[in-house]
């Protein structure tokens, strides 16, 4: 199942900047945030729902890894 252009535009997610502070007080460096934003950029381009789900899961795993929650 694929998203229409309208659906895709409605599901765009923002990029974050270095210095983001997670709930456990982990501060994301530029390199950390570049990795996180790479997932977001792919997610914002992807129209396949299954692939979007996979990218969301991977981005979440990356976030947890950076925060030391894995």
N, C-alpha and C. Protein backbone atom coordinates (compact mmCIF):
# COMPACT_ATOMS: atom_id res chain seq x y z
N UNK A 1 0.85 -1.18 0.00
CA UNK A 1 0.00 0.00 0.00
C UNK A 1 0.89 1.24 0.00
N UNK A 2 0.57 2.17 -0.86
CA UNK A 2 1.36 3.39 -0.99
C UNK A 2 0.54 4.62 -0.60
N UNK A 3 1.24 5.62 -0.09
CA UNK A 3 0.59 6.88 0.25
C UNK A 3 0.46 7.75 -0.99
N UNK A 4 -0.61 8.51 -1.05
CA UNK A 4 -0.75 9.50 -2.13
C UNK A 4 0.19 10.66 -1.80
N UNK A 5 0.39 11.55 -2.76
CA UNK A 5 1.23 12.73 -2.52
C UNK A 5 0.67 13.57 -1.38
N UNK A 6 -0.65 13.69 -1.31
CA UNK A 6 -1.28 14.45 -0.23
C UNK A 6 -1.03 13.81 1.12
N UNK A 7 -1.24 12.49 1.20
CA UNK A 7 -1.00 11.78 2.46
C UNK A 7 0.46 11.91 2.89
N UNK A 8 1.38 11.78 1.93
CA UNK A 8 2.80 11.90 2.24
C UNK A 8 3.11 13.29 2.77
N UNK A 9 2.56 14.31 2.14
CA UNK A 9 2.83 15.68 2.59
C UNK A 9 2.27 15.93 3.99
N UNK A 10 1.19 15.27 4.34
CA UNK A 10 0.58 15.43 5.66
C UNK A 10 1.36 14.70 6.75
N UNK A 11 2.22 13.76 6.37
CA UNK A 11 2.95 12.96 7.35
C UNK A 11 4.42 13.33 7.44
N UNK A 12 4.79 14.48 6.90
CA UNK A 12 6.19 14.92 6.96
C UNK A 12 6.59 15.16 8.42
N UNK A 13 7.80 14.75 8.75
CA UNK A 13 8.30 14.90 10.11
C UNK A 13 9.45 15.88 10.13
N UNK A 14 9.57 16.66 11.21
CA UNK A 14 10.60 17.70 11.27
C UNK A 14 12.00 17.12 11.51
N UNK A 15 12.99 17.87 11.07
CA UNK A 15 14.37 17.55 11.39
C UNK A 15 14.72 18.25 12.71
N UNK A 16 15.66 17.68 13.44
CA UNK A 16 16.09 18.27 14.71
C UNK A 16 17.52 18.76 14.60
N UNK A 17 17.90 19.64 15.48
CA UNK A 17 19.25 20.20 15.48
C UNK A 17 20.07 19.61 16.61
N UNK A 18 21.39 19.67 16.43
CA UNK A 18 22.31 19.25 17.49
C UNK A 18 22.00 20.04 18.76
N UNK A 19 22.19 19.41 19.88
CA UNK A 19 21.87 20.05 21.15
C UNK A 19 20.52 19.61 21.70
N UNK A 20 19.78 18.81 20.92
CA UNK A 20 18.50 18.29 21.39
C UNK A 20 18.74 17.52 22.68
N UNK A 21 17.90 17.72 23.68
CA UNK A 21 18.05 17.05 24.97
C UNK A 21 16.89 16.05 25.13
N UNK A 22 17.24 14.78 25.26
CA UNK A 22 16.24 13.73 25.45
C UNK A 22 15.73 13.74 26.89
N UNK A 23 14.69 12.96 27.14
CA UNK A 23 14.07 12.94 28.47
C UNK A 23 15.01 12.46 29.56
N UNK A 24 16.04 11.68 29.19
CA UNK A 24 16.99 11.20 30.19
C UNK A 24 18.22 12.11 30.26
N UNK A 25 18.10 13.32 29.71
CA UNK A 25 19.14 14.36 29.71
C UNK A 25 20.32 14.06 28.78
N UNK A 26 20.18 13.12 27.87
CA UNK A 26 21.19 12.90 26.86
C UNK A 26 21.13 14.06 25.86
N UNK A 27 22.28 14.67 25.60
CA UNK A 27 22.35 15.76 24.63
C UNK A 27 22.90 15.18 23.33
N UNK A 28 22.15 15.37 22.26
CA UNK A 28 22.54 14.85 20.96
C UNK A 28 23.60 15.75 20.33
N UNK A 29 24.72 15.15 19.93
CA UNK A 29 25.77 15.89 19.22
C UNK A 29 25.33 16.09 17.77
N UNK A 30 26.13 16.82 17.00
CA UNK A 30 25.83 17.00 15.58
C UNK A 30 25.84 15.66 14.86
N UNK A 31 26.81 14.81 15.15
CA UNK A 31 26.89 13.49 14.51
C UNK A 31 25.68 12.64 14.87
N UNK A 32 25.28 12.67 16.16
CA UNK A 32 24.10 11.92 16.59
C UNK A 32 22.86 12.39 15.83
N UNK A 33 22.70 13.70 15.74
CA UNK A 33 21.51 14.24 15.10
C UNK A 33 21.54 14.04 13.60
N UNK A 34 22.73 14.07 13.00
CA UNK A 34 22.83 13.79 11.56
C UNK A 34 22.34 12.37 11.27
N UNK A 35 22.69 11.41 12.13
CA UNK A 35 22.22 10.03 11.96
C UNK A 35 20.71 9.94 12.11
N UNK A 36 20.18 10.59 13.12
CA UNK A 36 18.73 10.58 13.35
C UNK A 36 18.00 11.23 12.18
N UNK A 37 18.51 12.37 11.73
CA UNK A 37 17.86 13.09 10.64
C UNK A 37 17.96 12.34 9.32
N UNK A 38 18.97 11.50 9.15
CA UNK A 38 19.07 10.70 7.92
C UNK A 38 17.86 9.77 7.82
N UNK A 39 17.46 9.17 8.94
CA UNK A 39 16.25 8.35 8.95
C UNK A 39 15.02 9.19 8.62
N UNK A 40 14.95 10.39 9.20
CA UNK A 40 13.80 11.27 8.97
C UNK A 40 13.70 11.68 7.51
N UNK A 41 14.83 12.00 6.90
CA UNK A 41 14.81 12.38 5.48
C UNK A 41 14.30 11.24 4.61
N UNK A 42 14.76 10.02 4.88
CA UNK A 42 14.27 8.86 4.13
C UNK A 42 12.79 8.64 4.38
N UNK A 43 12.38 8.78 5.62
CA UNK A 43 10.98 8.61 5.99
C UNK A 43 10.09 9.62 5.26
N UNK A 44 10.55 10.86 5.17
CA UNK A 44 9.76 11.91 4.51
C UNK A 44 9.64 11.71 3.01
N UNK A 45 10.52 10.89 2.41
CA UNK A 45 10.46 10.61 0.97
C UNK A 45 9.71 9.32 0.64
N UNK A 46 9.61 8.44 1.61
CA UNK A 46 9.09 7.09 1.36
C UNK A 46 7.57 7.06 1.31
N UNK A 47 7.02 6.46 0.25
CA UNK A 47 5.57 6.37 0.09
C UNK A 47 5.01 5.01 0.50
N UNK A 48 5.84 3.97 0.55
CA UNK A 48 5.38 2.63 0.91
C UNK A 48 5.16 2.56 2.43
N UNK A 49 3.96 2.20 2.83
CA UNK A 49 3.62 2.19 4.26
C UNK A 49 4.48 1.20 5.05
N UNK A 50 4.76 0.03 4.50
CA UNK A 50 5.57 -0.95 5.21
C UNK A 50 7.00 -0.45 5.40
N UNK A 51 7.54 0.18 4.38
CA UNK A 51 8.89 0.71 4.49
C UNK A 51 8.93 1.87 5.47
N UNK A 52 7.89 2.70 5.48
CA UNK A 52 7.81 3.80 6.45
C UNK A 52 7.79 3.25 7.87
N UNK A 53 7.04 2.19 8.09
CA UNK A 53 6.98 1.56 9.41
C UNK A 53 8.36 1.06 9.83
N UNK A 54 9.07 0.42 8.89
CA UNK A 54 10.42 -0.07 9.15
C UNK A 54 11.35 1.09 9.52
N UNK A 55 11.28 2.18 8.75
CA UNK A 55 12.14 3.33 9.02
C UNK A 55 11.84 3.96 10.37
N UNK A 56 10.57 4.03 10.73
CA UNK A 56 10.20 4.56 12.05
C UNK A 56 10.79 3.68 13.16
N UNK A 57 10.70 2.37 13.00
CA UNK A 57 11.27 1.45 13.99
C UNK A 57 12.78 1.62 14.10
N UNK A 58 13.45 1.72 12.95
CA UNK A 58 14.90 1.87 12.95
C UNK A 58 15.33 3.20 13.55
N UNK A 59 14.57 4.25 13.23
CA UNK A 59 14.89 5.56 13.80
C UNK A 59 14.72 5.53 15.32
N UNK A 60 13.68 4.87 15.79
CA UNK A 60 13.47 4.74 17.24
C UNK A 60 14.60 3.95 17.90
N UNK A 61 15.03 2.87 17.26
CA UNK A 61 16.15 2.07 17.80
C UNK A 61 17.42 2.92 17.88
N UNK A 62 17.66 3.71 16.84
CA UNK A 62 18.83 4.59 16.82
C UNK A 62 18.74 5.60 17.98
N UNK A 63 17.57 6.21 18.14
CA UNK A 63 17.36 7.18 19.22
C UNK A 63 17.67 6.53 20.57
N UNK A 64 17.15 5.33 20.79
CA UNK A 64 17.39 4.63 22.06
C UNK A 64 18.86 4.29 22.25
N UNK A 65 19.52 3.91 21.17
CA UNK A 65 20.96 3.59 21.23
C UNK A 65 21.76 4.83 21.65
N UNK A 66 21.47 5.97 21.03
CA UNK A 66 22.18 7.20 21.37
C UNK A 66 21.92 7.58 22.83
N UNK A 67 20.70 7.35 23.29
CA UNK A 67 20.33 7.70 24.66
C UNK A 67 20.80 6.68 25.70
N UNK A 68 21.37 5.57 25.23
CA UNK A 68 21.83 4.54 26.15
C UNK A 68 20.69 3.70 26.71
N UNK A 69 19.59 3.59 25.97
CA UNK A 69 18.42 2.86 26.45
C UNK A 69 18.24 1.50 25.79
N UNK A 70 19.24 1.05 25.05
CA UNK A 70 19.08 -0.22 24.33
C UNK A 70 19.41 -1.41 25.22
